[in-house]
Amino acid sequence: MFRTLHRRRGSAMTVVVVVLVLALIAGGLWFFVLRSTPEKTVKGMLEAVRAGDEESLSSYLTERSKDSAPMVLGLTRKLTGGATAEPQYAIEEPAISENVATVSVQFPLGDTISTLTGMETFSMPYVLHREGQTWLVDAPDTQEELGRQFAGGIMNILRRFILPGGGPGGPGAPPI
């Protein structure tokens, strides 16, 4: 009788340990592989754009982006080089604030553009919104962020080339 009771306890403990191990594996799989993150969403969107897969691309966009995304997606198509080229971009760490994230992607610029601008890469900021447990790219907010980035870049160019000495506080600049 003692041996039967001991075997049952041993079997029950084995079942509990197996269930706990399976739960940990499932949690790890979800966290590291299946969970939506801003970086995974941007990477998936970039691959869908490169491949020209409109159906897949749609799954990475917010509802309001599906009709108002041509400018952002057109620029992304140009920067990714299309499906024939090897992807040449670097996805940076996201800046996350509650349910909004911004992920910048560094794209290399061609020789002509690089010569004209003095820049070797272009940083494209993608703005994402969390809807439930999923991160989705929002084209209107991305376009707005891109506009802010361009405005800041234009101001830097103006400071560098128009103001004496390269801007406020530069050599030869008049006191402010």
N, C-alpha and C. Protein backbone atom coordinates (compact mmCIF):
# COMPACT_ATOMS: atom_id res chain seq x y z
N MET A 1 0.82 -1.18 0.00
CA MET A 1 0.00 0.00 0.00
C MET A 1 0.87 1.26 0.00
N PHE A 2 1.92 1.26 0.81
CA PHE A 2 2.81 2.41 0.87
C PHE A 2 3.45 2.67 -0.48
N ARG A 3 3.85 1.63 -1.20
CA ARG A 3 4.50 1.79 -2.49
C ARG A 3 3.53 2.36 -3.53
N THR A 4 2.28 2.00 -3.51
CA THR A 4 1.30 2.49 -4.46
C THR A 4 1.07 3.98 -4.26
N LEU A 5 0.93 4.40 -3.01
CA LEU A 5 0.73 5.82 -2.70
C LEU A 5 1.96 6.63 -3.12
N HIS A 6 3.14 6.10 -2.87
CA HIS A 6 4.38 6.78 -3.24
C HIS A 6 4.50 6.91 -4.77
N ARG A 7 4.12 5.87 -5.49
CA ARG A 7 4.18 5.93 -6.95
C ARG A 7 3.22 6.98 -7.50
N ARG A 8 2.04 7.09 -6.90
CA ARG A 8 1.06 8.08 -7.36
C ARG A 8 1.58 9.49 -7.15
N ARG A 9 2.20 9.73 -6.01
CA ARG A 9 2.75 11.06 -5.75
C ARG A 9 3.88 11.37 -6.74
N GLY A 10 4.71 10.38 -6.99
CA GLY A 10 5.80 10.55 -7.94
C GLY A 10 5.28 10.83 -9.35
N SER A 11 4.23 10.13 -9.73
CA SER A 11 3.64 10.34 -11.05
C SER A 11 3.00 11.72 -11.15
N ALA A 12 2.33 12.14 -10.09
CA ALA A 12 1.69 13.46 -10.07
C ALA A 12 2.75 14.56 -10.15
N MET A 13 3.84 14.39 -9.42
CA MET A 13 4.91 15.39 -9.47
C MET A 13 5.53 15.45 -10.86
N THR A 14 5.69 14.30 -11.49
CA THR A 14 6.24 14.26 -12.84
C THR A 14 5.34 15.02 -13.80
N VAL A 15 4.03 14.81 -13.68
CA VAL A 15 3.07 15.50 -14.54
C VAL A 15 3.15 17.01 -14.31
N VAL A 16 3.23 17.44 -13.06
CA VAL A 16 3.31 18.87 -12.73
C VAL A 16 4.58 19.47 -13.33
N VAL A 17 5.70 18.79 -13.18
CA VAL A 17 6.96 19.29 -13.72
C VAL A 17 6.89 19.38 -15.24
N VAL A 18 6.35 18.38 -15.91
CA VAL A 18 6.24 18.39 -17.37
C VAL A 18 5.35 19.54 -17.82
N VAL A 19 4.22 19.76 -17.14
CA VAL A 19 3.32 20.86 -17.50
C VAL A 19 4.02 22.21 -17.32
N LEU A 20 4.76 22.37 -16.21
CA LEU A 20 5.48 23.62 -15.99
C LEU A 20 6.55 23.86 -17.05
N VAL A 21 7.28 22.84 -17.42
CA VAL A 21 8.31 22.96 -18.45
C VAL A 21 7.67 23.33 -19.79
N LEU A 22 6.56 22.68 -20.14
CA LEU A 22 5.87 23.01 -21.39
C LEU A 22 5.34 24.44 -21.38
N ALA A 23 4.84 24.89 -20.23
CA ALA A 23 4.34 26.27 -20.12
C ALA A 23 5.48 27.26 -20.30
N LEU A 24 6.64 26.97 -19.72
CA LEU A 24 7.81 27.84 -19.89
C LEU A 24 8.28 27.88 -21.34
N ILE A 25 8.28 26.76 -22.00
CA ILE A 25 8.68 26.69 -23.41
C ILE A 25 7.70 27.49 -24.26
N ALA A 26 6.40 27.32 -24.01
CA ALA A 26 5.39 28.05 -24.77
C ALA A 26 5.51 29.55 -24.54
N GLY A 27 5.73 29.96 -23.29
CA GLY A 27 5.91 31.38 -22.98
C GLY A 27 7.14 31.96 -23.66
N GLY A 28 8.24 31.22 -23.63
CA GLY A 28 9.46 31.66 -24.29
C GLY A 28 9.28 31.76 -25.79
N LEU A 29 8.60 30.79 -26.37
CA LEU A 29 8.33 30.80 -27.81
C LEU A 29 7.52 32.03 -28.19
N TRP A 30 6.49 32.31 -27.40
CA TRP A 30 5.67 33.50 -27.68
C TRP A 30 6.51 34.76 -27.53
N PHE A 31 7.26 34.88 -26.43
CA PHE A 31 7.99 36.10 -26.15
C PHE A 31 9.08 36.38 -27.17
N PHE A 32 9.84 35.36 -27.54
CA PHE A 32 10.99 35.58 -28.41
C PHE A 32 10.70 35.41 -29.89
N VAL A 33 9.63 34.68 -30.25
CA VAL A 33 9.40 34.39 -31.66
C VAL A 33 8.09 34.98 -32.17
N LEU A 34 7.01 34.76 -31.47
CA LEU A 34 5.69 35.10 -32.00
C LEU A 34 5.18 36.48 -31.61
N ARG A 35 5.70 37.06 -30.54
CA ARG A 35 5.21 38.35 -30.04
C ARG A 35 5.48 39.45 -31.06
N SER A 36 4.51 40.33 -31.22
CA SER A 36 4.67 41.47 -32.12
C SER A 36 5.55 42.52 -31.45
N THR A 37 6.56 42.99 -32.18
CA THR A 37 7.41 44.08 -31.72
C THR A 37 7.50 45.11 -32.84
N PRO A 38 7.81 46.36 -32.50
CA PRO A 38 7.95 47.36 -33.56
C PRO A 38 9.00 46.97 -34.60
N GLU A 39 10.14 46.41 -34.15
CA GLU A 39 11.20 46.04 -35.09
C GLU A 39 10.74 44.94 -36.05
N LYS A 40 10.05 43.92 -35.52
CA LYS A 40 9.56 42.83 -36.37
C LYS A 40 8.54 43.34 -37.38
N THR A 41 7.68 44.25 -36.94
CA THR A 41 6.67 44.81 -37.84
C THR A 41 7.33 45.58 -38.98
N VAL A 42 8.31 46.43 -38.65
CA VAL A 42 8.99 47.21 -39.70
C VAL A 42 9.74 46.28 -40.64
N LYS A 43 10.42 45.28 -40.10
CA LYS A 43 11.16 44.34 -40.95
C LYS A 43 10.19 43.60 -41.89
N GLY A 44 9.06 43.14 -41.37
CA GLY A 44 8.07 42.45 -42.20
C GLY A 44 7.51 43.36 -43.27
N MET A 45 7.24 44.62 -42.90
CA MET A 45 6.72 45.59 -43.87
C MET A 45 7.74 45.84 -44.98
N LEU A 46 9.01 46.02 -44.60
CA LEU A 46 10.06 46.26 -45.60
C LEU A 46 10.19 45.08 -46.56
N GLU A 47 10.11 43.87 -46.05
CA GLU A 47 10.21 42.69 -46.91
C GLU A 47 8.99 42.59 -47.83
N ALA A 48 7.80 42.92 -47.31
CA ALA A 48 6.60 42.89 -48.15
C ALA A 48 6.69 43.94 -49.25
N VAL A 49 7.22 45.13 -48.93
CA VAL A 49 7.39 46.18 -49.93
C VAL A 49 8.38 45.73 -50.99
N ARG A 50 9.51 45.17 -50.57
CA ARG A 50 10.53 44.70 -51.53
C ARG A 50 9.98 43.64 -52.47
N ALA A 51 9.17 42.72 -51.91
CA ALA A 51 8.62 41.62 -52.70
C ALA A 51 7.40 42.04 -53.52
N GLY A 52 6.85 43.22 -53.25
CA GLY A 52 5.65 43.66 -53.95
C GLY A 52 4.42 42.90 -53.51
N ASP A 53 4.43 42.37 -52.29
CA ASP A 53 3.33 41.57 -51.75
C ASP A 53 2.33 42.48 -51.05
N GLU A 54 1.37 42.99 -51.81
CA GLU A 54 0.39 43.95 -51.28
C GLU A 54 -0.47 43.36 -50.17
N GLU A 55 -0.82 42.09 -50.26
CA GLU A 55 -1.67 41.46 -49.23
C GLU A 55 -0.92 41.39 -47.91
N SER A 56 0.32 40.94 -47.96
CA SER A 56 1.13 40.87 -46.76
C SER A 56 1.40 42.27 -46.21
N LEU A 57 1.69 43.21 -47.09
CA LEU A 57 1.95 44.58 -46.69
C LEU A 57 0.78 45.14 -45.91
N SER A 58 -0.42 44.87 -46.36
CA SER A 58 -1.63 45.36 -45.71
C SER A 58 -1.72 44.91 -44.25
N SER A 59 -1.18 43.74 -43.95
CA SER A 59 -1.27 43.23 -42.57
C SER A 59 -0.34 43.98 -41.61
N TYR A 60 0.57 44.78 -42.13
CA TYR A 60 1.49 45.55 -41.28
C TYR A 60 1.06 47.00 -41.11
N LEU A 61 -0.06 47.41 -41.71
CA LEU A 61 -0.50 48.80 -41.70
C LEU A 61 -1.77 48.98 -40.87
N THR A 62 -1.90 50.16 -40.24
CA THR A 62 -3.14 50.50 -39.55
C THR A 62 -4.23 50.69 -40.60
N GLU A 63 -5.47 50.65 -40.17
CA GLU A 63 -6.60 50.79 -41.11
C GLU A 63 -6.53 52.11 -41.87
N ARG A 64 -6.23 53.20 -41.16
CA ARG A 64 -6.20 54.51 -41.84
C ARG A 64 -5.03 54.62 -42.80
N SER A 65 -4.04 53.75 -42.69
CA SER A 65 -2.88 53.78 -43.57
C SER A 65 -3.13 53.11 -44.91
N LYS A 66 -4.09 52.21 -44.95
CA LYS A 66 -4.29 51.41 -46.16
C LYS A 66 -4.70 52.25 -47.35
N ASP A 67 -5.33 53.41 -47.11
CA ASP A 67 -5.71 54.28 -48.22
C ASP A 67 -4.79 55.49 -48.36
N SER A 68 -4.04 55.81 -47.32
CA SER A 68 -3.25 57.04 -47.35
C SER A 68 -1.75 56.78 -47.27
N ALA A 69 -1.31 55.64 -47.75
CA ALA A 69 0.10 55.28 -47.61
C ALA A 69 0.96 55.45 -48.86
N PRO A 70 0.45 55.91 -50.02
CA PRO A 70 1.27 55.90 -51.23
C PRO A 70 2.60 56.63 -51.12
N MET A 71 2.66 57.79 -50.47
CA MET A 71 3.91 58.54 -50.39
C MET A 71 4.94 57.77 -49.57
N VAL A 72 4.55 57.31 -48.40
CA VAL A 72 5.46 56.58 -47.52
C VAL A 72 5.91 55.28 -48.17
N LEU A 73 4.97 54.55 -48.75
CA LEU A 73 5.32 53.27 -49.36
C LEU A 73 6.12 53.45 -50.65
N GLY A 74 5.83 54.52 -51.40
CA GLY A 74 6.62 54.80 -52.61
C GLY A 74 8.06 55.11 -52.26
N LEU A 75 8.27 55.92 -51.23
CA LEU A 75 9.62 56.24 -50.78
C LEU A 75 10.31 54.97 -50.26
N THR A 76 9.58 54.15 -49.53
CA THR A 76 10.14 52.90 -49.01
C THR A 76 10.54 51.99 -50.15
N ARG A 77 9.72 51.89 -51.20
CA ARG A 77 10.07 51.05 -52.37
C ARG A 77 11.38 51.52 -53.00
N LYS A 78 11.52 52.83 -53.15
CA LYS A 78 12.74 53.38 -53.74
C LYS A 78 13.95 53.08 -52.87
N LEU A 79 13.79 53.23 -51.56
CA LEU A 79 14.91 53.04 -50.65
C LEU A 79 15.32 51.57 -50.50
N THR A 80 14.35 50.64 -50.57
CA THR A 80 14.68 49.23 -50.39
C THR A 80 15.26 48.61 -51.65
N GLY A 81 15.09 49.24 -52.79
CA GLY A 81 15.69 48.74 -54.02
C GLY A 81 14.90 47.66 -54.72
N GLY A 82 13.74 47.30 -54.23
CA GLY A 82 12.92 46.28 -54.90
C GLY A 82 13.41 44.87 -54.62
N ALA A 83 12.68 43.90 -55.12
CA ALA A 83 12.92 42.50 -54.83
C ALA A 83 14.21 41.96 -55.45
N THR A 84 14.72 42.63 -56.48
CA THR A 84 15.90 42.10 -57.16
C THR A 84 17.19 42.40 -56.40
N ALA A 85 17.20 43.44 -55.60
CA ALA A 85 18.41 43.82 -54.88
C ALA A 85 18.43 43.18 -53.49
N GLU A 86 19.62 42.95 -52.99
CA GLU A 86 19.79 42.48 -51.62
C GLU A 86 19.43 43.64 -50.68
N PRO A 87 18.65 43.38 -49.62
CA PRO A 87 18.27 44.48 -48.73
C PRO A 87 19.50 45.14 -48.10
N GLN A 88 19.53 46.44 -48.13
CA GLN A 88 20.65 47.21 -47.59
C GLN A 88 20.13 48.25 -46.61
N TYR A 89 19.65 47.81 -45.48
CA TYR A 89 19.17 48.75 -44.49
C TYR A 89 19.46 48.22 -43.10
N ALA A 90 19.45 49.13 -42.14
CA ALA A 90 19.68 48.76 -40.74
C ALA A 90 18.53 49.30 -39.92
N ILE A 91 17.86 48.42 -39.20
CA ILE A 91 16.74 48.81 -38.35
C ILE A 91 17.30 49.14 -36.97
N GLU A 92 17.00 50.35 -36.48
CA GLU A 92 17.51 50.80 -35.20
C GLU A 92 16.54 50.43 -34.07
N GLU A 93 16.98 50.58 -32.84
CA GLU A 93 16.14 50.33 -31.67
C GLU A 93 14.97 51.31 -31.67
N PRO A 94 13.78 50.84 -31.30
CA PRO A 94 12.63 51.75 -31.31
C PRO A 94 12.61 52.68 -30.11
N ALA A 95 11.98 53.83 -30.30
CA ALA A 95 11.66 54.73 -29.20
C ALA A 95 10.18 54.48 -28.92
N ILE A 96 9.87 53.92 -27.76
CA ILE A 96 8.49 53.53 -27.44
C ILE A 96 7.96 54.41 -26.32
N SER A 97 6.75 54.93 -26.53
CA SER A 97 6.05 55.71 -25.53
C SER A 97 4.61 55.21 -25.49
N GLU A 98 4.31 54.40 -24.50
CA GLU A 98 3.00 53.76 -24.33
C GLU A 98 2.61 52.95 -25.56
N ASN A 99 1.64 53.43 -26.35
CA ASN A 99 1.15 52.67 -27.50
C ASN A 99 1.64 53.21 -28.84
N VAL A 100 2.69 54.04 -28.82
CA VAL A 100 3.27 54.60 -30.04
C VAL A 100 4.77 54.34 -30.02
N ALA A 101 5.29 53.90 -31.15
CA ALA A 101 6.73 53.66 -31.26
C ALA A 101 7.23 54.29 -32.55
N THR A 102 8.48 54.72 -32.54
CA THR A 102 9.13 55.22 -33.74
C THR A 102 10.37 54.36 -33.96
N VAL A 103 10.44 53.77 -35.15
CA VAL A 103 11.58 52.94 -35.52
C VAL A 103 12.25 53.59 -36.72
N SER A 104 13.50 53.97 -36.55
CA SER A 104 14.25 54.56 -37.66
C SER A 104 14.98 53.46 -38.40
N VAL A 105 14.97 53.57 -39.72
CA VAL A 105 15.68 52.61 -40.58
C VAL A 105 16.70 53.40 -41.38
N GLN A 106 17.95 52.96 -41.32
CA GLN A 106 19.03 53.61 -42.07
C GLN A 106 19.16 52.95 -43.44
N PHE A 107 18.96 53.75 -44.49
CA PHE A 107 19.11 53.27 -45.86
C PHE A 107 20.35 53.92 -46.46
N PRO A 108 21.20 53.15 -47.14
CA PRO A 108 22.35 53.77 -47.81
C PRO A 108 21.87 54.56 -49.02
N LEU A 109 22.54 55.68 -49.28
CA LEU A 109 22.20 56.50 -50.44
C LEU A 109 23.16 56.20 -51.58
N GLY A 110 22.67 56.34 -52.78
CA GLY A 110 23.51 56.14 -53.96
C GLY A 110 24.59 57.21 -54.05
N ASP A 111 25.56 56.98 -54.91
CA ASP A 111 26.69 57.89 -55.06
C ASP A 111 26.27 59.31 -55.43
N THR A 112 25.33 59.44 -56.36
CA THR A 112 24.91 60.76 -56.82
C THR A 112 24.25 61.54 -55.68
N ILE A 113 23.31 60.92 -55.01
CA ILE A 113 22.62 61.60 -53.91
C ILE A 113 23.58 61.87 -52.78
N SER A 114 24.45 60.93 -52.50
CA SER A 114 25.43 61.10 -51.44
C SER A 114 26.35 62.28 -51.73
N THR A 115 26.76 62.44 -52.98
CA THR A 115 27.62 63.56 -53.37
C THR A 115 26.88 64.88 -53.22
N LEU A 116 25.62 64.92 -53.64
CA LEU A 116 24.84 66.16 -53.57
C LEU A 116 24.51 66.57 -52.14
N THR A 117 24.21 65.60 -51.29
CA THR A 117 23.75 65.92 -49.93
C THR A 117 24.85 65.86 -48.89
N GLY A 118 25.91 65.14 -49.18
CA GLY A 118 26.96 64.95 -48.19
C GLY A 118 26.61 63.89 -47.17
N MET A 119 25.52 63.18 -47.39
CA MET A 119 25.08 62.13 -46.48
C MET A 119 25.30 60.77 -47.13
N GLU A 120 25.73 59.81 -46.35
CA GLU A 120 25.91 58.46 -46.87
C GLU A 120 24.67 57.59 -46.65
N THR A 121 23.89 57.95 -45.63
CA THR A 121 22.67 57.19 -45.34
C THR A 121 21.50 58.15 -45.14
N PHE A 122 20.31 57.60 -45.27
CA PHE A 122 19.08 58.35 -45.02
C PHE A 122 18.33 57.61 -43.92
N SER A 123 17.91 58.34 -42.91
CA SER A 123 17.18 57.74 -41.80
C SER A 123 15.68 57.97 -41.99
N MET A 124 14.95 56.89 -42.22
CA MET A 124 13.49 56.95 -42.42
C MET A 124 12.81 56.56 -41.12
N PRO A 125 12.05 57.48 -40.52
CA PRO A 125 11.36 57.16 -39.27
C PRO A 125 9.97 56.56 -39.54
N TYR A 126 9.72 55.36 -39.08
CA TYR A 126 8.40 54.75 -39.21
C TYR A 126 7.71 54.85 -37.86
N VAL A 127 6.48 55.38 -37.85
CA VAL A 127 5.70 55.52 -36.62
C VAL A 127 4.71 54.37 -36.57
N LEU A 128 4.69 53.67 -35.44
CA LEU A 128 3.81 52.52 -35.26
C LEU A 128 2.87 52.76 -34.10
N HIS A 129 1.69 52.16 -34.19
CA HIS A 129 0.71 52.21 -33.11
C HIS A 129 0.44 50.78 -32.66
N ARG A 130 0.29 50.60 -31.34
CA ARG A 130 -0.06 49.29 -30.83
C ARG A 130 -1.58 49.18 -30.82
N GLU A 131 -2.08 48.17 -31.53
CA GLU A 131 -3.52 47.88 -31.56
C GLU A 131 -3.70 46.51 -30.95
N GLY A 132 -4.17 46.48 -29.70
CA GLY A 132 -4.24 45.22 -28.97
C GLY A 132 -2.83 44.77 -28.64
N GLN A 133 -2.44 43.60 -29.10
CA GLN A 133 -1.09 43.08 -28.88
C GLN A 133 -0.20 43.23 -30.11
N THR A 134 -0.70 43.92 -31.14
CA THR A 134 0.02 44.00 -32.41
C THR A 134 0.48 45.42 -32.69
N TRP A 135 1.72 45.55 -33.17
CA TRP A 135 2.25 46.83 -33.61
C TRP A 135 2.02 46.96 -35.10
N LEU A 136 1.49 48.12 -35.54
CA LEU A 136 1.20 48.38 -36.96
C LEU A 136 1.78 49.74 -37.37
N VAL A 137 2.29 49.82 -38.59
CA VAL A 137 2.84 51.07 -39.13
C VAL A 137 1.69 52.00 -39.48
N ASP A 138 1.80 53.26 -39.05
CA ASP A 138 0.79 54.27 -39.37
C ASP A 138 1.39 55.26 -40.37
N ALA A 139 0.95 55.17 -41.61
CA ALA A 139 1.52 56.00 -42.69
C ALA A 139 1.31 57.50 -42.48
N PRO A 140 0.10 57.96 -42.08
CA PRO A 140 -0.04 59.41 -41.88
C PRO A 140 0.90 59.96 -40.81
N ASP A 141 1.06 59.25 -39.69
CA ASP A 141 1.98 59.71 -38.65
C ASP A 141 3.43 59.60 -39.11
N THR A 142 3.74 58.59 -39.91
CA THR A 142 5.09 58.45 -40.45
C THR A 142 5.40 59.62 -41.38
N GLN A 143 4.43 59.99 -42.20
CA GLN A 143 4.60 61.12 -43.13
C GLN A 143 4.82 62.41 -42.36
N GLU A 144 4.07 62.58 -41.28
CA GLU A 144 4.21 63.78 -40.44
C GLU A 144 5.60 63.81 -39.79
N GLU A 145 6.06 62.68 -39.27
CA GLU A 145 7.39 62.61 -38.65
C GLU A 145 8.48 62.86 -39.68
N LEU A 146 8.30 62.32 -40.87
CA LEU A 146 9.25 62.54 -41.96
C LEU A 146 9.33 64.02 -42.31
N GLY A 147 8.18 64.70 -42.33
CA GLY A 147 8.14 66.15 -42.58
C GLY A 147 8.90 66.92 -41.52
N ARG A 148 8.74 66.53 -40.25
CA ARG A 148 9.49 67.17 -39.17
C ARG A 148 10.99 66.96 -39.37
N GLN A 149 11.36 65.76 -39.77
CA GLN A 149 12.77 65.44 -39.98
C GLN A 149 13.35 66.29 -41.12
N PHE A 150 12.59 66.41 -42.22
CA PHE A 150 13.05 67.23 -43.34
C PHE A 150 13.18 68.70 -42.94
N ALA A 151 12.19 69.20 -42.18
CA ALA A 151 12.24 70.59 -41.75
C ALA A 151 13.48 70.84 -40.89
N GLY A 152 13.78 69.92 -40.00
CA GLY A 152 14.99 70.05 -39.18
C GLY A 152 16.25 69.99 -40.03
N GLY A 153 16.26 69.13 -41.04
CA GLY A 153 17.41 69.02 -41.95
C GLY A 153 17.62 70.28 -42.76
N ILE A 154 16.53 70.87 -43.22
CA ILE A 154 16.63 72.11 -44.00
C ILE A 154 17.17 73.23 -43.12
N MET A 155 16.72 73.28 -41.87
CA MET A 155 17.23 74.31 -40.96
C MET A 155 18.72 74.12 -40.73
N ASN A 156 19.18 72.89 -40.59
CA ASN A 156 20.61 72.64 -40.41
C ASN A 156 21.40 73.07 -41.63
N ILE A 157 20.88 72.80 -42.82
CA ILE A 157 21.55 73.22 -44.06
C ILE A 157 21.63 74.74 -44.12
N LEU A 158 20.52 75.41 -43.80
CA LEU A 158 20.51 76.87 -43.81
C LEU A 158 21.53 77.42 -42.82
N ARG A 159 21.57 76.85 -41.64
CA ARG A 159 22.54 77.31 -40.64
C ARG A 159 23.98 77.12 -41.15
N ARG A 160 24.20 75.98 -41.78
CA ARG A 160 25.56 75.64 -42.21
C ARG A 160 26.04 76.52 -43.36
N PHE A 161 25.15 76.80 -44.33
CA PHE A 161 25.59 77.48 -45.53
C PHE A 161 25.27 78.97 -45.58
N ILE A 162 24.27 79.41 -44.86
CA ILE A 162 23.86 80.80 -44.98
C ILE A 162 24.39 81.66 -43.83
N LEU A 163 24.30 81.16 -42.63
CA LEU A 163 24.76 81.96 -41.50
C LEU A 163 26.28 81.99 -41.47
N PRO A 164 26.86 83.13 -41.19
CA PRO A 164 28.32 83.23 -41.13
C PRO A 164 28.88 82.30 -40.06
N GLY A 165 29.93 81.61 -40.36
CA GLY A 165 30.59 80.75 -39.39
C GLY A 165 29.87 79.46 -39.11
N GLY A 166 28.85 79.11 -39.89
CA GLY A 166 28.17 77.83 -39.72
C GLY A 166 27.06 77.85 -38.70
N GLY A 167 26.64 79.01 -38.26
CA GLY A 167 25.51 79.05 -37.35
C GLY A 167 25.84 79.76 -36.06
N PRO A 168 24.89 79.85 -35.16
CA PRO A 168 25.09 80.56 -33.90
C PRO A 168 26.28 79.99 -33.14
N GLY A 169 27.13 80.87 -32.70
CA GLY A 169 28.27 80.45 -31.90
C GLY A 169 29.47 79.98 -32.70
N GLY A 170 29.32 79.89 -34.04
CA GLY A 170 30.43 79.42 -34.88
C GLY A 170 31.44 80.54 -35.06
N PRO A 171 32.63 80.18 -35.59
CA PRO A 171 33.66 81.20 -35.78
C PRO A 171 33.18 82.30 -36.73
N GLY A 172 33.36 83.52 -36.34
CA GLY A 172 33.00 84.65 -37.18
C GLY A 172 31.53 84.99 -37.14
N ALA A 173 30.76 84.28 -36.31
CA ALA A 173 29.33 84.55 -36.24
C ALA A 173 29.09 85.78 -35.39
N PRO A 174 28.11 86.59 -35.78
CA PRO A 174 27.81 87.75 -34.96
C PRO A 174 27.19 87.31 -33.64
N PRO A 175 27.40 88.04 -32.58
CA PRO A 175 26.82 87.67 -31.30
C PRO A 175 25.29 87.71 -31.36
N ILE A 176 24.69 86.83 -30.63
CA ILE A 176 23.21 86.79 -30.62
C ILE A 176 22.69 87.39 -29.35
